[in-house]
Amino acid sequence: MPPPRRHERPPGFHYDAGFVGPKDYEAILAWLRRIHPIWEQRFSTRRPSPAGQPQRGLLRPVYWLGNWQFACLDYYRPPEGILDRCVQAEPFPAVLAKLVRRIEDLVHRRLPPAALPEGWHLNTCLVNLYGDRIEDGKRTDVARVGEHKDFEPGPVASVSVGERALFQFVSSRKPGSRDAVVLQQWLDDGSLCVFAGNYWKRKVFHRVQRVDRRAGATFPFPVEGFVTRRVNFTFRFVPDEHVVQFRDLSPEAREDVRDYVAELAKHSPFFADALAGEVRAGS
């Protein structure tokens, strides 16, 4: 697929370098100081991994809002991958809920109705940490994400804080393929990036190629073995009927994620209540 010429860029991509104002930025930082991201394993620790795929930890600690897509349950991939994928999680804090309303208003003003699936609203958010992993005293830069697509329907919105990141759309999944780049954009501190439509969501892949160190930004998360220099909030849409409470997961899925929910419950009243709800439902 040849890259489009700049003046022929398909509609559906929007970038705003100064989206987050100073007060909202400070509120985001205050909220980030209260969360406890967790490390996840890619597959269940209670059931065998898929054939030919050894167990491994995720490269970075994560946090989710709205609904949590635990890696061991696999991620949301409609039409087949919809059951036991999205577990109800903490609601957006006030500052993010405010930004989401602005993003949704922007999307409705700029995109045709056909670009929005029925019921579209931004109800899930991956809070992704980018930085260095520390193992046995060795520091490894893992501030990147390989070529992939987001399968949640409708527009995706990304808000960044911290060091800037080089975000690329590519027409090939060949790792490091420079010729495959059809668009690249530095995502600045406090910026918003939105992409939507058939071209940006289905025809091309996207990736985070690297994250700078120039500003010296760091985030003091209480996560052992990781130093964060960028945080990205990726907002997406999961149809509400596909989001379930922890207690309503299948027994196997509930067992897979119980330890994660228990870890989150140490610091989150929401997940503490989710654990208690499982007990109440079983009594």
Protein backbone atom coordinates (compact mmCIF):
# COMPACT_ATOMS: atom_id res chain seq x y z
CA MET A 1 0.00 0.00 0.00
CA PRO A 2 1.73 3.21 -1.09
CA PRO A 3 1.62 6.04 1.47
CA PRO A 4 -0.79 8.82 0.62
CA ARG A 5 0.63 12.19 -0.32
CA ARG A 6 0.29 14.75 2.43
CA HIS A 7 -2.42 16.71 0.64
CA GLU A 8 -4.27 13.44 0.04
CA ARG A 9 -4.21 12.39 3.71
CA PRO A 10 -7.42 10.49 4.48
CA PRO A 11 -9.75 12.25 6.92
CA GLY A 12 -9.98 11.07 10.49
CA PHE A 13 -6.66 12.20 12.02
CA HIS A 14 -6.51 15.14 14.43
CA TYR A 15 -3.66 16.48 16.56
CA ASP A 16 -3.70 19.29 19.14
CA ALA A 17 -0.33 19.97 20.80
CA GLY A 18 -1.79 22.14 23.57
CA PHE A 19 -4.99 20.32 24.46
CA VAL A 20 -4.42 20.03 28.24
CA GLY A 21 -4.42 23.39 30.02
CA PRO A 22 -2.29 24.14 33.11
CA LYS A 23 -5.02 23.53 35.73
CA ASP A 24 -6.11 20.27 34.15
CA TYR A 25 -2.47 19.22 33.82
CA GLU A 26 -1.88 19.74 37.55
CA ALA A 27 -5.07 17.81 38.35
CA ILE A 28 -3.88 14.91 36.19
CA LEU A 29 -0.54 14.84 37.99
CA ALA A 30 -2.31 14.88 41.36
CA TRP A 31 -4.47 11.94 40.34
CA LEU A 32 -1.49 9.99 39.00
CA ARG A 33 0.20 10.30 42.39
CA ARG A 34 -2.66 8.32 43.94
CA ILE A 35 -2.74 5.26 41.68
CA HIS A 36 -0.86 1.98 41.99
CA PRO A 37 -0.24 0.46 38.54
CA ILE A 38 0.34 -3.29 38.43
CA TRP A 39 2.46 -5.79 36.54
CA GLU A 40 0.49 -8.38 34.56
CA GLN A 41 1.36 -11.70 32.98
CA ARG A 42 0.32 -12.11 29.34
CA PHE A 43 -1.48 -15.40 29.96
CA SER A 44 -3.29 -17.08 32.82
CA THR A 45 -1.13 -18.40 35.65
CA ARG A 46 -3.82 -20.98 36.45
CA ARG A 47 -4.40 -22.46 33.01
CA PRO A 48 -1.93 -23.61 30.31
CA SER A 49 -0.69 -20.92 27.93
CA PRO A 50 -1.75 -21.15 24.26
CA ALA A 51 0.23 -23.68 22.27
CA GLY A 52 3.64 -22.38 21.25
CA GLN A 53 3.35 -19.20 23.33
CA PRO A 54 5.41 -19.23 26.52
CA GLN A 55 4.27 -17.27 29.55
CA ARG A 56 5.73 -13.79 29.77
CA GLY A 57 5.20 -10.60 31.67
CA LEU A 58 4.04 -7.42 30.01
CA LEU A 59 6.86 -4.99 29.21
CA ARG A 60 5.35 -2.23 31.33
CA PRO A 61 3.04 -1.85 34.34
CA VAL A 62 -0.46 -0.67 33.44
CA TYR A 63 -3.64 0.80 34.86
CA TRP A 64 -7.13 0.94 33.34
CA LEU A 65 -10.21 3.07 33.91
CA GLY A 66 -13.85 2.49 32.95
CA ASN A 67 -13.21 -1.16 32.22
CA TRP A 68 -10.07 -3.24 32.58
CA GLN A 69 -8.90 -5.55 29.81
CA PHE A 70 -6.69 -7.96 31.72
CA ALA A 71 -4.04 -9.41 29.43
CA CYS A 72 -4.66 -12.98 30.61
CA LEU A 73 -8.28 -12.73 29.43
CA ASP A 74 -7.00 -11.49 26.06
CA TYR A 75 -8.04 -8.16 24.69
CA TYR A 76 -11.31 -7.00 23.18
CA ARG A 77 -11.49 -8.22 19.58
CA PRO A 78 -14.99 -8.17 18.11
CA PRO A 79 -16.87 -9.93 16.74
CA GLU A 80 -15.62 -13.18 18.33
CA GLY A 81 -13.55 -11.85 21.22
CA ILE A 82 -16.15 -10.05 23.31
CA LEU A 83 -17.01 -12.34 26.24
CA ASP A 84 -15.09 -12.12 29.53
CA ARG A 85 -12.76 -9.48 28.08
CA CYS A 86 -13.79 -6.18 29.71
CA VAL A 87 -14.17 -6.02 33.49
CA GLN A 88 -15.83 -3.01 35.07
CA ALA A 89 -13.20 -0.71 36.60
CA GLU A 90 -12.94 2.63 38.38
CA PRO A 91 -14.75 5.56 36.76
CA PHE A 92 -12.75 8.37 35.20
CA PRO A 93 -11.58 10.94 37.76
CA ALA A 94 -13.18 14.36 37.38
CA VAL A 95 -10.35 15.88 35.33
CA LEU A 96 -10.33 13.03 32.80
CA ALA A 97 -14.14 12.99 32.60
CA LYS A 98 -13.95 16.70 31.75
CA LEU A 99 -11.37 16.09 29.01
CA VAL A 100 -13.42 13.20 27.62
CA ARG A 101 -16.46 15.47 27.25
CA ARG A 102 -14.31 17.90 25.25
CA ILE A 103 -12.95 15.09 23.08
CA GLU A 104 -16.39 13.65 22.38
CA ASP A 105 -17.68 17.11 21.44
CA LEU A 106 -14.71 17.58 19.09
CA VAL A 107 -15.31 14.19 17.47
CA HIS A 108 -19.01 14.88 16.90
CA ARG A 109 -18.19 18.26 15.34
CA ARG A 110 -15.36 17.09 13.08
CA LEU A 111 -16.39 13.59 11.99
CA PRO A 112 -19.42 12.49 9.97
CA PRO A 113 -22.02 10.41 11.84
CA ALA A 114 -21.05 7.37 9.74
CA ALA A 115 -17.65 7.32 11.48
CA LEU A 116 -19.28 6.74 14.87
CA PRO A 117 -20.77 3.36 15.77
CA GLU A 118 -24.12 3.32 17.53
CA GLY A 119 -23.81 4.34 21.16
CA TRP A 120 -20.20 5.49 20.79
CA HIS A 121 -18.73 7.17 23.84
CA LEU A 122 -15.29 6.96 25.40
CA ASN A 123 -15.81 4.56 28.30
CA THR A 124 -12.49 2.78 28.69
CA CYS A 125 -8.98 4.10 29.14
CA LEU A 126 -5.61 2.38 29.17
CA VAL A 127 -3.18 4.32 31.35
CA ASN A 128 0.11 3.23 29.81
CA LEU A 129 3.49 3.86 31.44
CA TYR A 130 6.58 4.38 29.28
CA GLY A 131 10.10 4.28 30.59
CA ASP A 132 12.88 1.97 31.76
CA ARG A 133 12.54 -1.49 33.22
CA ILE A 134 15.07 -2.42 35.91
CA GLU A 135 16.00 -6.09 36.37
CA ASP A 136 19.02 -7.34 38.33
CA GLY A 137 20.37 -3.82 38.39
CA LYS A 138 20.22 -3.52 34.59
CA ARG A 139 18.16 -0.71 33.09
CA THR A 140 16.37 -1.39 29.78
CA ASP A 141 14.43 1.16 27.74
CA VAL A 142 10.98 -0.33 27.01
CA ALA A 143 9.33 2.95 25.99
CA ARG A 144 7.89 1.71 22.73
CA VAL A 145 4.94 -0.26 21.34
CA GLY A 146 5.14 -2.35 18.20
CA GLU A 147 2.85 -2.28 15.18
CA HIS A 148 -0.75 -3.08 16.10
CA LYS A 149 -4.38 -2.07 15.65
CA ASP A 150 -7.00 -1.11 18.24
CA PHE A 151 -10.06 -3.27 17.74
CA GLU A 152 -12.53 -1.29 19.82
CA PRO A 153 -15.04 0.31 17.41
CA GLY A 154 -14.99 3.98 16.57
CA PRO A 155 -12.56 6.84 17.18
CA VAL A 156 -9.59 6.45 19.53
CA ALA A 157 -8.27 9.39 21.55
CA SER A 158 -4.81 9.65 23.11
CA VAL A 159 -3.73 12.21 25.73
CA SER A 160 -0.03 12.37 26.63
CA VAL A 161 1.90 13.79 29.59
CA GLY A 162 5.64 13.74 30.18
CA GLU A 163 8.32 13.25 27.54
CA ARG A 164 7.26 13.50 23.90
CA ALA A 165 6.79 10.29 21.90
CA LEU A 166 7.25 9.53 18.20
CA PHE A 167 3.92 8.07 17.05
CA GLN A 168 3.76 6.45 13.60
CA PHE A 169 1.22 4.90 11.29
CA VAL A 170 2.69 2.17 9.11
CA SER A 171 1.39 0.03 6.26
CA SER A 172 3.43 -3.01 7.26
CA ARG A 173 4.00 -5.02 10.43
CA LYS A 174 7.62 -5.60 9.52
CA PRO A 175 9.52 -4.43 12.63
CA GLY A 176 11.45 -1.21 12.11
CA SER A 177 10.33 -0.76 8.51
CA ARG A 178 11.05 2.89 7.68
CA ASP A 179 9.61 2.68 4.17
CA ALA A 180 6.25 1.61 5.60
CA VAL A 181 5.66 4.88 7.51
CA VAL A 182 2.65 6.75 6.10
CA LEU A 183 2.43 9.38 8.86
CA GLN A 184 4.43 10.25 11.93
CA GLN A 185 3.68 12.74 14.65
CA TRP A 186 5.55 13.72 17.79
CA LEU A 187 3.06 13.55 20.68
CA ASP A 188 3.98 16.46 22.92
CA ASP A 189 3.48 16.92 26.64
CA GLY A 190 -0.20 17.80 27.16
CA SER A 191 -1.24 16.89 23.62
CA LEU A 192 -4.29 15.16 22.15
CA CYS A 193 -4.27 12.78 19.18
CA VAL A 194 -7.48 11.36 17.70
CA PHE A 195 -7.73 8.86 14.87
CA ALA A 196 -10.82 7.34 13.34
CA GLY A 197 -12.25 5.88 10.16
CA ASN A 198 -11.51 2.92 7.94
CA TYR A 199 -8.04 4.05 6.86
CA TRP A 200 -6.53 4.88 10.25
CA LYS A 201 -8.27 2.11 12.20
CA ARG A 202 -8.25 -0.80 9.72
CA LYS A 203 -5.92 -0.29 6.77
CA VAL A 204 -2.79 0.79 8.63
CA PHE A 205 -1.08 -0.13 11.90
CA HIS A 206 0.20 2.28 14.51
CA ARG A 207 3.14 2.18 16.90
CA VAL A 208 5.15 4.21 19.39
CA GLN A 209 8.64 4.21 17.93
CA ARG A 210 10.46 5.90 20.80
CA VAL A 211 10.10 8.29 23.74
CA ASP A 212 12.50 11.19 24.34
CA ARG A 213 14.53 11.93 27.47
CA ARG A 214 15.20 15.60 26.74
CA ALA A 215 12.88 17.13 29.34
CA GLY A 216 14.06 14.87 32.16
CA ALA A 217 10.44 14.06 33.12
CA THR A 218 9.79 11.32 35.69
CA PHE A 219 6.70 10.07 37.50
CA PRO A 220 7.19 8.58 40.99
CA PHE A 221 4.81 5.64 40.80
CA PRO A 222 4.98 3.06 43.61
CA VAL A 223 5.97 0.34 41.13
CA GLU A 224 9.05 -1.74 41.80
CA GLY A 225 11.45 -2.19 38.90
CA PHE A 226 10.25 0.62 36.65
CA VAL A 227 11.08 4.29 36.04
CA THR A 228 8.37 6.20 34.14
CA ARG A 229 9.04 9.23 31.95
CA ARG A 230 5.81 9.34 29.93
CA VAL A 231 2.17 8.50 30.66
CA ASN A 232 -0.38 8.04 27.89
CA PHE A 233 -4.15 7.88 28.32
CA THR A 234 -5.72 5.95 25.44
CA PHE A 235 -9.51 6.37 25.44
CA ARG A 236 -11.66 3.92 23.49
CA PHE A 237 -15.22 2.60 23.26
CA VAL A 238 -16.50 -0.80 24.35
CA PRO A 239 -20.26 -1.37 23.94
CA ASP A 240 -21.73 -1.25 27.43
CA GLU A 241 -23.31 -4.68 27.08
CA HIS A 242 -19.85 -6.21 26.74
CA VAL A 243 -18.62 -4.81 30.06
CA VAL A 244 -19.22 -7.07 33.08
CA GLN A 245 -18.67 -6.79 36.79
CA PHE A 246 -15.96 -8.97 38.30
CA ARG A 247 -18.53 -11.17 40.02
CA ASP A 248 -20.27 -11.82 36.67
CA LEU A 249 -17.23 -13.20 34.88
CA SER A 250 -17.22 -16.90 34.12
CA PRO A 251 -15.74 -18.94 37.00
CA GLU A 252 -12.56 -19.62 34.97
CA ALA A 253 -12.05 -15.95 34.07
CA ARG A 254 -12.73 -14.89 37.65
CA GLU A 255 -10.04 -17.26 38.88
CA ASP A 256 -7.61 -15.92 36.26
CA VAL A 257 -7.86 -12.33 37.47
CA ARG A 258 -8.68 -12.69 41.17
CA ASP A 259 -5.08 -12.09 42.28
CA TYR A 260 -4.90 -8.91 40.17
CA VAL A 261 -8.20 -7.65 41.57
CA ALA A 262 -7.00 -8.43 45.11
CA GLU A 263 -3.80 -6.48 44.46
CA LEU A 264 -5.78 -3.52 43.14
CA ALA A 265 -8.17 -3.74 46.09
CA LYS A 266 -5.33 -2.90 48.50
CA HIS A 267 -5.44 0.70 47.27
CA SER A 268 -8.75 1.00 45.42
CA PRO A 269 -12.14 1.08 47.20
CA PHE A 270 -13.74 0.23 43.87
CA PHE A 271 -11.91 -3.08 43.52
CA ALA A 272 -12.25 -3.82 47.24
CA ASP A 273 -16.01 -3.55 46.73
CA ALA A 274 -15.76 -5.76 43.63
CA LEU A 275 -14.15 -8.51 45.71
CA ALA A 276 -16.80 -8.11 48.40
CA GLY A 277 -19.47 -8.24 45.70
CA GLU A 278 -18.20 -11.64 44.59
CA VAL A 279 -18.61 -12.90 48.16
CA ARG A 280 -22.09 -11.44 48.45
CA ALA A 281 -23.13 -12.96 45.12
CA GLY A 282 -21.93 -16.39 46.26
CA SER A 283 -23.61 -16.27 49.66
